[in-house]
Amino acid sequence: MGRLVPAVTRALDILELFLDGDGTLSAPDIVRKLQLPRTTVHELVTTLAARKYIVPMPGQPGRYRLGVRPYQLGARYSEQLDLAAEGQQVARSVAETCDETVHVAILEDTDVIYIAKVDSTHAVRMVSAAGRRLPAHCTSVGKMLLASLPEPELAARIPDSARLVAMTPNSITDPGALREALAEIRERGLAVENRESNPDVSCVAAPVRDRTGQVVAALSISVPMIRWSEERRAELEQLAVKGAAELSEHLGHRSPA
């Protein structure tokens, strides 16, 4: 790997400052925040402005905001995004850490569709496949995605009169009970499935967000009951949250500071 170029690093440091606060900065602000010489900051700001990475604020002499060029680069990045491919990459990383089966799924009507999957290397593991469809209310990813819907949309998809299928004796089949479970999931920001889609497997799931903050998928970790415990659940919840946050970052989401 070649060495980092200091001037480029400093220019990028300046651009990343615009991600915080009200999105505007002056040269003295940059000097103070980055502890750089005033002459260096002046040269970098002049260069960034000439290339349209930053532009002067109208009516506020000496202050700048991001220009059109970062937007153009971001738009091109968004065009190239592939949720399934990005999900597979992150799922592989999570699976290597915990050696359990990891899924990424999206919501379609009242079902979930698995778009990425990495298997555990254990002899005893969950058997599934990318592309598989399951009732959302029976899975941790599905409950996480349902919990992320606005209330009117959730009611339209699963009205009080809905008949929810049972995949195991533990499956939630009452819409009212499901709403209570979803309210708790919404509050925690995590979903747990206790043998609701498979009598021998439990799962944890966390939400995946795009650049707008909208939940577009969920990442889950599935564990056979022979390796499940409350301690293990807590570990996997943290790992699912971390993996989902990493995938969200790949999609352009930026967590609040």
C-alpha atoms as a PDB file:
ATOM      1  CA  MET A   1       0.000   0.000   0.000  1.00  0.00           C
ATOM      2  CA  GLY A   2       1.327   3.433  -0.903  1.00  0.00           C
ATOM      3  CA  ARG A   3       1.649   6.253   1.587  1.00  0.00           C
ATOM      4  CA  LEU A   4      -1.134   8.729   2.286  1.00  0.00           C
ATOM      5  CA  VAL A   5      -0.809  12.145   0.662  1.00  0.00           C
ATOM      6  CA  PRO A   6      -1.074  14.792   3.408  1.00  0.00           C
ATOM      7  CA  ALA A   7      -2.622  17.484   1.204  1.00  0.00           C
ATOM      8  CA  VAL A   8      -5.349  15.143  -0.021  1.00  0.00           C
ATOM      9  CA  THR A   9      -6.025  13.921   3.518  1.00  0.00           C
ATOM     10  CA  ARG A  10      -6.419  17.502   4.726  1.00  0.00           C
ATOM     11  CA  ALA A  11      -8.757  18.385   1.861  1.00  0.00           C
ATOM     12  CA  LEU A  12     -10.946  15.395   2.673  1.00  0.00           C
ATOM     13  CA  ASP A  13     -10.873  16.318   6.370  1.00  0.00           C
ATOM     14  CA  ILE A  14     -12.246  19.725   5.407  1.00  0.00           C
ATOM     15  CA  LEU A  15     -15.040  18.244   3.295  1.00  0.00           C
ATOM     16  CA  GLU A  16     -16.064  15.887   6.096  1.00  0.00           C
ATOM     17  CA  LEU A  17     -16.425  18.830   8.500  1.00  0.00           C
ATOM     18  CA  PHE A  18     -19.453  19.911   6.451  1.00  0.00           C
ATOM     19  CA  LEU A  19     -21.298  16.777   7.575  1.00  0.00           C
ATOM     20  CA  ASP A  20     -21.788  18.277  11.032  1.00  0.00           C
ATOM     21  CA  GLY A  21     -23.519  21.365  12.378  1.00  0.00           C
ATOM     22  CA  ASP A  22     -25.538  23.489   9.953  1.00  0.00           C
ATOM     23  CA  GLY A  23     -23.401  22.501   6.971  1.00  0.00           C
ATOM     24  CA  THR A  24     -21.600  25.834   6.651  1.00  0.00           C
ATOM     25  CA  LEU A  25     -18.044  26.756   7.640  1.00  0.00           C
ATOM     26  CA  SER A  26     -15.617  29.644   7.455  1.00  0.00           C
ATOM     27  CA  ALA A  27     -11.850  29.386   7.064  1.00  0.00           C
ATOM     28  CA  PRO A  28     -11.333  30.316  10.763  1.00  0.00           C
ATOM     29  CA  ASP A  29     -13.781  27.521  11.707  1.00  0.00           C
ATOM     30  CA  ILE A  30     -11.671  25.048   9.754  1.00  0.00           C
ATOM     31  CA  VAL A  31      -8.429  26.319  11.270  1.00  0.00           C
ATOM     32  CA  ARG A  32      -9.880  25.892  14.754  1.00  0.00           C
ATOM     33  CA  LYS A  33     -11.418  22.458  14.180  1.00  0.00           C
ATOM     34  CA  LEU A  34      -8.481  20.874  12.335  1.00  0.00           C
ATOM     35  CA  GLN A  35      -5.646  22.797  13.980  1.00  0.00           C
ATOM     36  CA  LEU A  36      -4.094  23.574  10.596  1.00  0.00           C
ATOM     37  CA  PRO A  37      -2.076  26.678   9.604  1.00  0.00           C
ATOM     38  CA  ARG A  38      -4.208  29.495   8.202  1.00  0.00           C
ATOM     39  CA  THR A  39      -2.173  29.606   4.975  1.00  0.00           C
ATOM     40  CA  THR A  40      -2.737  25.871   4.398  1.00  0.00           C
ATOM     41  CA  VAL A  41      -6.471  26.191   5.013  1.00  0.00           C
ATOM     42  CA  HIS A  42      -6.713  29.183   2.692  1.00  0.00           C
ATOM     43  CA  GLU A  43      -4.991  27.268  -0.132  1.00  0.00           C
ATOM     44  CA  LEU A  44      -7.143  24.170   0.369  1.00  0.00           C
ATOM     45  CA  VAL A  45     -10.391  26.164   0.560  1.00  0.00           C
ATOM     46  CA  THR A  46      -9.464  28.084  -2.583  1.00  0.00           C
ATOM     47  CA  THR A  47      -8.743  24.819  -4.415  1.00  0.00           C
ATOM     48  CA  LEU A  48     -11.951  23.121  -3.252  1.00  0.00           C
ATOM     49  CA  ALA A  49     -13.986  26.166  -4.236  1.00  0.00           C
ATOM     50  CA  ALA A  50     -12.345  26.317  -7.674  1.00  0.00           C
ATOM     51  CA  ARG A  51     -13.316  22.670  -8.258  1.00  0.00           C
ATOM     52  CA  LYS A  52     -16.893  23.302  -6.994  1.00  0.00           C
ATOM     53  CA  TYR A  53     -16.582  20.986  -3.995  1.00  0.00           C
ATOM     54  CA  ILE A  54     -17.533  23.953  -1.820  1.00  0.00           C
ATOM     55  CA  VAL A  55     -19.218  27.253  -2.747  1.00  0.00           C
ATOM     56  CA  PRO A  56     -19.554  30.636  -0.976  1.00  0.00           C
ATOM     57  CA  MET A  57     -22.726  31.225   1.027  1.00  0.00           C
ATOM     58  CA  PRO A  58     -24.827  34.027  -0.533  1.00  0.00           C
ATOM     59  CA  GLY A  59     -24.901  37.074   1.711  1.00  0.00           C
ATOM     60  CA  GLN A  60     -22.406  35.552   4.166  1.00  0.00           C
ATOM     61  CA  PRO A  61     -18.889  36.586   3.123  1.00  0.00           C
ATOM     62  CA  GLY A  62     -16.215  34.085   4.074  1.00  0.00           C
ATOM     63  CA  ARG A  63     -18.602  31.197   4.728  1.00  0.00           C
ATOM     64  CA  TYR A  64     -18.957  28.104   2.546  1.00  0.00           C
ATOM     65  CA  ARG A  65     -21.286  25.174   2.016  1.00  0.00           C
ATOM     66  CA  LEU A  66     -20.895  21.993  -0.010  1.00  0.00           C
ATOM     67  CA  GLY A  67     -21.066  22.489  -3.766  1.00  0.00           C
ATOM     68  CA  VAL A  68     -22.558  20.395  -6.542  1.00  0.00           C
ATOM     69  CA  ARG A  69     -19.559  18.113  -7.043  1.00  0.00           C
ATOM     70  CA  PRO A  70     -20.020  16.013  -3.839  1.00  0.00           C
ATOM     71  CA  TYR A  71     -23.699  15.599  -4.797  1.00  0.00           C
ATOM     72  CA  GLN A  72     -22.733  14.360  -8.252  1.00  0.00           C
ATOM     73  CA  LEU A  73     -20.296  11.854  -6.788  1.00  0.00           C
ATOM     74  CA  GLY A  74     -22.888  10.681  -4.259  1.00  0.00           C
ATOM     75  CA  ALA A  75     -25.516  10.275  -6.966  1.00  0.00           C
ATOM     76  CA  ARG A  76     -23.163   8.153  -9.034  1.00  0.00           C
ATOM     77  CA  TYR A  77     -22.372   6.031  -5.961  1.00  0.00           C
ATOM     78  CA  SER A  78     -26.114   5.526  -5.346  1.00  0.00           C
ATOM     79  CA  GLU A  79     -26.637   4.428  -8.950  1.00  0.00           C
ATOM     80  CA  GLN A  80     -24.065   1.682  -8.480  1.00  0.00           C
ATOM     81  CA  LEU A  81     -25.467   0.379  -5.204  1.00  0.00           C
ATOM     82  CA  ASP A  82     -26.753  -3.177  -5.137  1.00  0.00           C
ATOM     83  CA  LEU A  83     -28.491  -4.024  -1.852  1.00  0.00           C
ATOM     84  CA  ALA A  84     -28.125  -7.765  -2.371  1.00  0.00           C
ATOM     85  CA  ALA A  85     -24.418  -7.524  -3.184  1.00  0.00           C
ATOM     86  CA  GLU A  86     -23.701  -5.125  -0.325  1.00  0.00           C
ATOM     87  CA  GLY A  87     -25.789  -7.305   1.998  1.00  0.00           C
ATOM     88  CA  GLN A  88     -23.891 -10.434   1.005  1.00  0.00           C
ATOM     89  CA  GLN A  89     -20.583  -8.734   1.733  1.00  0.00           C
ATOM     90  CA  VAL A  90     -21.627  -7.564   5.196  1.00  0.00           C
ATOM     91  CA  ALA A  91     -23.374 -10.865   5.996  1.00  0.00           C
ATOM     92  CA  ARG A  92     -20.143 -12.691   5.206  1.00  0.00           C
ATOM     93  CA  SER A  93     -18.220 -10.462   7.610  1.00  0.00           C
ATOM     94  CA  VAL A  94     -20.789 -10.971  10.392  1.00  0.00           C
ATOM     95  CA  ALA A  95     -20.867 -14.748   9.820  1.00  0.00           C
ATOM     96  CA  GLU A  96     -17.077 -14.921  10.040  1.00  0.00           C
ATOM     97  CA  THR A  97     -17.280 -13.236  13.424  1.00  0.00           C
ATOM     98  CA  CYS A  98     -19.997 -15.389  15.019  1.00  0.00           C
ATOM     99  CA  ASP A  99     -19.954 -18.540  12.826  1.00  0.00           C
ATOM    100  CA  GLU A 100     -23.740 -18.594  12.643  1.00  0.00           C
ATOM    101  CA  THR A 101     -26.089 -18.215   9.684  1.00  0.00           C
ATOM    102  CA  VAL A 102     -26.668 -14.596   8.658  1.00  0.00           C
ATOM    103  CA  HIS A 103     -29.482 -13.299   6.437  1.00  0.00           C
ATOM    104  CA  VAL A 104     -30.428  -9.981   4.898  1.00  0.00           C
ATOM    105  CA  ALA A 105     -34.105  -9.680   3.953  1.00  0.00           C
ATOM    106  CA  ILE A 106     -36.577  -7.186   2.521  1.00  0.00           C
ATOM    107  CA  LEU A 107     -40.325  -6.833   3.047  1.00  0.00           C
ATOM    108  CA  GLU A 108     -42.841  -7.533   0.289  1.00  0.00           C
ATOM    109  CA  ASP A 109     -46.461  -7.101   1.341  1.00  0.00           C
ATOM    110  CA  THR A 110     -46.662  -9.349   4.444  1.00  0.00           C
ATOM    111  CA  ASP A 111     -43.763 -11.642   3.542  1.00  0.00           C
ATOM    112  CA  VAL A 112     -40.007 -11.349   3.787  1.00  0.00           C
ATOM    113  CA  ILE A 113     -37.682 -12.312   0.958  1.00  0.00           C
ATOM    114  CA  TYR A 114     -34.120 -13.266   1.791  1.00  0.00           C
ATOM    115  CA  ILE A 115     -31.782 -11.455  -0.600  1.00  0.00           C
ATOM    116  CA  ALA A 116     -28.460 -12.472   0.970  1.00  0.00           C
ATOM    117  CA  LYS A 117     -27.339 -15.407   3.096  1.00  0.00           C
ATOM    118  CA  VAL A 118     -24.097 -16.786   4.511  1.00  0.00           C
ATOM    119  CA  ASP A 119     -24.107 -20.178   6.211  1.00  0.00           C
ATOM    120  CA  SER A 120     -22.536 -21.198   9.490  1.00  0.00           C
ATOM    121  CA  THR A 121     -19.718 -23.741   9.230  1.00  0.00           C
ATOM    122  CA  HIS A 122     -21.218 -25.795  12.083  1.00  0.00           C
ATOM    123  CA  ALA A 123     -22.605 -29.205  11.205  1.00  0.00           C
ATOM    124  CA  VAL A 124     -25.852 -28.204  12.950  1.00  0.00           C
ATOM    125  CA  ARG A 125     -27.118 -25.000  11.343  1.00  0.00           C
ATOM    126  CA  MET A 126     -30.197 -23.371   9.879  1.00  0.00           C
ATOM    127  CA  VAL A 127     -31.074 -24.582   6.380  1.00  0.00           C
ATOM    128  CA  SER A 128     -32.395 -21.837   4.116  1.00  0.00           C
ATOM    129  CA  ALA A 129     -31.633 -20.105   0.831  1.00  0.00           C
ATOM    130  CA  ALA A 130     -31.480 -16.635  -0.698  1.00  0.00           C
ATOM    131  CA  GLY A 131     -34.745 -15.972  -2.517  1.00  0.00           C
ATOM    132  CA  ARG A 132     -36.830 -17.853   0.025  1.00  0.00           C
ATOM    133  CA  ARG A 133     -40.089 -16.208   1.099  1.00  0.00           C
ATOM    134  CA  LEU A 134     -41.602 -16.524   4.596  1.00  0.00           C
ATOM    135  CA  PRO A 135     -44.468 -14.862   6.489  1.00  0.00           C
ATOM    136  CA  ALA A 136     -42.989 -11.724   8.013  1.00  0.00           C
ATOM    137  CA  HIS A 137     -44.712 -12.133  11.388  1.00  0.00           C
ATOM    138  CA  CYS A 138     -42.927 -15.471  11.947  1.00  0.00           C
ATOM    139  CA  THR A 139     -39.369 -14.174  11.534  1.00  0.00           C
ATOM    140  CA  SER A 140     -37.099 -11.745  13.340  1.00  0.00           C
ATOM    141  CA  VAL A 141     -36.273  -9.885  10.118  1.00  0.00           C
ATOM    142  CA  GLY A 142     -39.952  -9.705   9.238  1.00  0.00           C
ATOM    143  CA  LYS A 143     -41.017  -8.405  12.620  1.00  0.00           C
ATOM    144  CA  MET A 144     -38.213  -5.836  12.486  1.00  0.00           C
ATOM    145  CA  LEU A 145     -39.430  -4.647   9.083  1.00  0.00           C
ATOM    146  CA  LEU A 146     -43.101  -4.615  10.099  1.00  0.00           C
ATOM    147  CA  ALA A 147     -42.225  -2.634  13.226  1.00  0.00           C
ATOM    148  CA  SER A 148     -40.581  -0.021  11.000  1.00  0.00           C
ATOM    149  CA  LEU A 149     -43.747   0.663   9.001  1.00  0.00           C
ATOM    150  CA  PRO A 150     -45.908   3.720   9.742  1.00  0.00           C
ATOM    151  CA  GLU A 151     -48.964   2.665  11.741  1.00  0.00           C
ATOM    152  CA  PRO A 152     -51.509   3.281   8.925  1.00  0.00           C
ATOM    153  CA  GLU A 153     -49.445   1.177   6.515  1.00  0.00           C
ATOM    154  CA  LEU A 154     -49.081  -1.609   9.060  1.00  0.00           C
ATOM    155  CA  ALA A 155     -52.837  -1.604   9.674  1.00  0.00           C
ATOM    156  CA  ALA A 156     -53.487  -1.793   5.927  1.00  0.00           C
ATOM    157  CA  ARG A 157     -51.168  -4.760   5.517  1.00  0.00           C
ATOM    158  CA  ILE A 158     -52.249  -6.600   8.657  1.00  0.00           C
ATOM    159  CA  PRO A 159     -55.754  -5.519   9.736  1.00  0.00           C
ATOM    160  CA  ASP A 160     -57.276  -6.697  12.994  1.00  0.00           C
ATOM    161  CA  SER A 161     -59.269  -9.278  11.042  1.00  0.00           C
ATOM    162  CA  ALA A 162     -56.185 -10.790   9.413  1.00  0.00           C
ATOM    163  CA  ARG A 163     -55.585 -14.538   9.714  1.00  0.00           C
ATOM    164  CA  LEU A 164     -51.939 -15.087  10.525  1.00  0.00           C
ATOM    165  CA  VAL A 165     -50.524 -18.484   9.633  1.00  0.00           C
ATOM    166  CA  ALA A 166     -48.567 -20.480  12.201  1.00  0.00           C
ATOM    167  CA  MET A 167     -45.288 -22.082  11.177  1.00  0.00           C
ATOM    168  CA  THR A 168     -44.617 -23.484  14.659  1.00  0.00           C
ATOM    169  CA  PRO A 169     -46.530 -23.573  17.965  1.00  0.00           C
ATOM    170  CA  ASN A 170     -44.608 -20.420  18.940  1.00  0.00           C
ATOM    171  CA  SER A 171     -45.767 -18.370  15.940  1.00  0.00           C
ATOM    172  CA  ILE A 172     -47.827 -15.271  16.699  1.00  0.00           C
ATOM    173  CA  THR A 173     -51.263 -15.720  15.111  1.00  0.00           C
ATOM    174  CA  ASP A 174     -53.257 -12.900  16.724  1.00  0.00           C
ATOM    175  CA  PRO A 175     -52.908  -9.445  15.070  1.00  0.00           C
ATOM    176  CA  GLY A 176     -53.351  -7.735  18.444  1.00  0.00           C
ATOM    177  CA  ALA A 177     -50.541  -9.762  20.012  1.00  0.00           C
ATOM    178  CA  LEU A 178     -48.389  -9.038  16.966  1.00  0.00           C
ATOM    179  CA  ARG A 179     -48.947  -5.287  17.377  1.00  0.00           C
ATOM    180  CA  GLU A 180     -47.854  -5.501  21.008  1.00  0.00           C
ATOM    181  CA  ALA A 181     -44.708  -7.374  19.984  1.00  0.00           C
ATOM    182  CA  LEU A 182     -43.981  -4.854  17.236  1.00  0.00           C
ATOM    183  CA  ALA A 183     -44.365  -1.936  19.657  1.00  0.00           C
ATOM    184  CA  GLU A 184     -41.694  -3.465  21.883  1.00  0.00           C
ATOM    185  CA  ILE A 185     -39.437  -4.097  18.874  1.00  0.00           C
ATOM    186  CA  ARG A 186     -39.913  -0.509  17.735  1.00  0.00           C
ATOM    187  CA  GLU A 187     -38.874   0.725  21.168  1.00  0.00           C
ATOM    188  CA  ARG A 188     -35.801  -1.531  21.389  1.00  0.00           C
ATOM    189  CA  GLY A 189     -34.710  -1.238  17.771  1.00  0.00           C
ATOM    190  CA  LEU A 190     -34.148  -5.009  17.793  1.00  0.00           C
ATOM    191  CA  ALA A 191     -36.253  -8.068  17.043  1.00  0.00           C
ATOM    192  CA  VAL A 192     -35.974 -11.572  18.482  1.00  0.00           C
ATOM    193  CA  GLU A 193     -37.620 -14.684  17.107  1.00  0.00           C
ATOM    194  CA  ASN A 194     -38.109 -17.531  19.564  1.00  0.00           C
ATOM    195  CA  ARG A 195     -38.594 -20.640  17.404  1.00  0.00           C
ATOM    196  CA  GLU A 196     -41.440 -18.996  15.492  1.00  0.00           C
ATOM    197  CA  SER A 197     -40.486 -20.094  11.967  1.00  0.00           C
ATOM    198  CA  ASN A 198     -38.436 -23.158  12.853  1.00  0.00           C
ATOM    199  CA  PRO A 199     -38.918 -25.161  16.076  1.00  0.00           C
ATOM    200  CA  ASP A 200     -35.172 -25.659  16.414  1.00  0.00           C
ATOM    201  CA  VAL A 201     -33.907 -22.134  15.661  1.00  0.00           C
ATOM    202  CA  SER A 202     -34.005 -18.689  17.264  1.00  0.00           C
ATOM    203  CA  CYS A 203     -32.918 -15.438  15.608  1.00  0.00           C
ATOM    204  CA  VAL A 204     -32.110 -11.801  16.307  1.00  0.00           C
ATOM    205  CA  ALA A 205     -32.455  -8.977  13.772  1.00  0.00           C
ATOM    206  CA  ALA A 206     -31.622  -5.280  13.403  1.00  0.00           C
ATOM    207  CA  PRO A 207     -32.813  -2.667  10.875  1.00  0.00           C
ATOM    208  CA  VAL A 208     -30.877  -1.567   7.796  1.00  0.00           C
ATOM    209  CA  ARG A 209     -31.423   2.036   6.664  1.00  0.00           C
ATOM    210  CA  ASP A 210     -30.703   3.863   3.427  1.00  0.00           C
ATOM    211  CA  ARG A 211     -29.281   7.360   3.039  1.00  0.00           C
ATOM    212  CA  THR A 212     -32.674   8.924   3.853  1.00  0.00           C
ATOM    213  CA  GLY A 213     -32.934   7.020   7.130  1.00  0.00           C
ATOM    214  CA  GLN A 214     -35.722   4.773   5.880  1.00  0.00           C
ATOM    215  CA  VAL A 215     -35.597   1.105   6.901  1.00  0.00           C
ATOM    216  CA  VAL A 216     -35.142  -0.846   3.661  1.00  0.00           C
ATOM    217  CA  ALA A 217     -33.995  -4.242   4.956  1.00  0.00           C
ATOM    218  CA  ALA A 218     -33.068  -6.149   8.092  1.00  0.00           C
ATOM    219  CA  LEU A 219     -30.067  -8.284   9.011  1.00  0.00           C
ATOM    220  CA  SER A 220     -30.520 -11.362  11.173  1.00  0.00           C
ATOM    221  CA  ILE A 221     -28.400 -14.007  12.862  1.00  0.00           C
ATOM    222  CA  SER A 222     -29.966 -17.459  13.224  1.00  0.00           C
ATOM    223  CA  VAL A 223     -28.859 -19.943  15.887  1.00  0.00           C
ATOM    224  CA  PRO A 224     -29.880 -23.569  16.560  1.00  0.00           C
ATOM    225  CA  MET A 225     -31.309 -23.973  20.050  1.00  0.00           C
ATOM    226  CA  ILE A 226     -28.397 -26.203  21.075  1.00  0.00           C
ATOM    227  CA  ARG A 227     -26.168 -23.084  20.906  1.00  0.00           C
ATOM    228  CA  TRP A 228     -28.775 -20.565  22.157  1.00  0.00           C
ATOM    229  CA  SER A 229     -28.691 -18.925  25.576  1.00  0.00           C
ATOM    230  CA  GLU A 230     -29.535 -15.531  27.025  1.00  0.00           C
ATOM    231  CA  GLU A 231     -25.838 -14.665  27.115  1.00  0.00           C
ATOM    232  CA  ARG A 232     -25.417 -15.730  23.491  1.00  0.00           C
ATOM    233  CA  ARG A 233     -28.543 -13.770  22.519  1.00  0.00           C
ATOM    234  CA  ALA A 234     -27.105 -10.580  24.004  1.00  0.00           C
ATOM    235  CA  GLU A 235     -23.827 -11.075  22.117  1.00  0.00           C
ATOM    236  CA  LEU A 236     -25.599 -11.689  18.835  1.00  0.00           C
ATOM    237  CA  GLU A 237     -27.898  -8.710  19.275  1.00  0.00           C
ATOM    238  CA  GLN A 238     -24.857  -6.440  19.509  1.00  0.00           C
ATOM    239  CA  LEU A 239     -23.309  -8.084  16.475  1.00  0.00           C
ATOM    240  CA  ALA A 240     -26.547  -7.787  14.462  1.00  0.00           C
ATOM    241  CA  VAL A 241     -26.792  -4.085  15.326  1.00  0.00           C
ATOM    242  CA  LYS A 242     -23.173  -3.569  14.299  1.00  0.00           C
ATOM    243  CA  GLY A 243     -23.637  -5.488  11.036  1.00  0.00           C
ATOM    244  CA  ALA A 244     -26.862  -3.664  10.180  1.00  0.00           C
ATOM    245  CA  ALA A 245     -25.175  -0.322  10.889  1.00  0.00           C
ATOM    246  CA  GLU A 246     -22.281  -1.269   8.601  1.00  0.00           C
ATOM    247  CA  LEU A 247     -24.667  -2.220   5.788  1.00  0.00           C
ATOM    248  CA  SER A 248     -26.610   1.008   6.374  1.00  0.00           C
ATOM    249  CA  GLU A 249     -23.361   2.939   6.010  1.00  0.00           C
ATOM    250  CA  HIS A 250     -22.712   1.164   2.711  1.00  0.00           C
ATOM    251  CA  LEU A 251     -26.126   2.421   1.589  1.00  0.00           C
ATOM    252  CA  GLY A 252     -25.237   6.002   2.474  1.00  0.00           C
ATOM    253  CA  HIS A 253     -26.871   6.233   5.885  1.00  0.00           C
ATOM    254  CA  ARG A 254     -25.095   8.346   8.454  1.00  0.00           C
ATOM    255  CA  SER A 255     -25.899   7.680  12.091  1.00  0.00           C
ATOM    256  CA  PRO A 256     -26.453  10.705  14.343  1.00  0.00           C
ATOM    257  CA  ALA A 257     -23.302  11.744  16.156  1.00  0.00           C
END
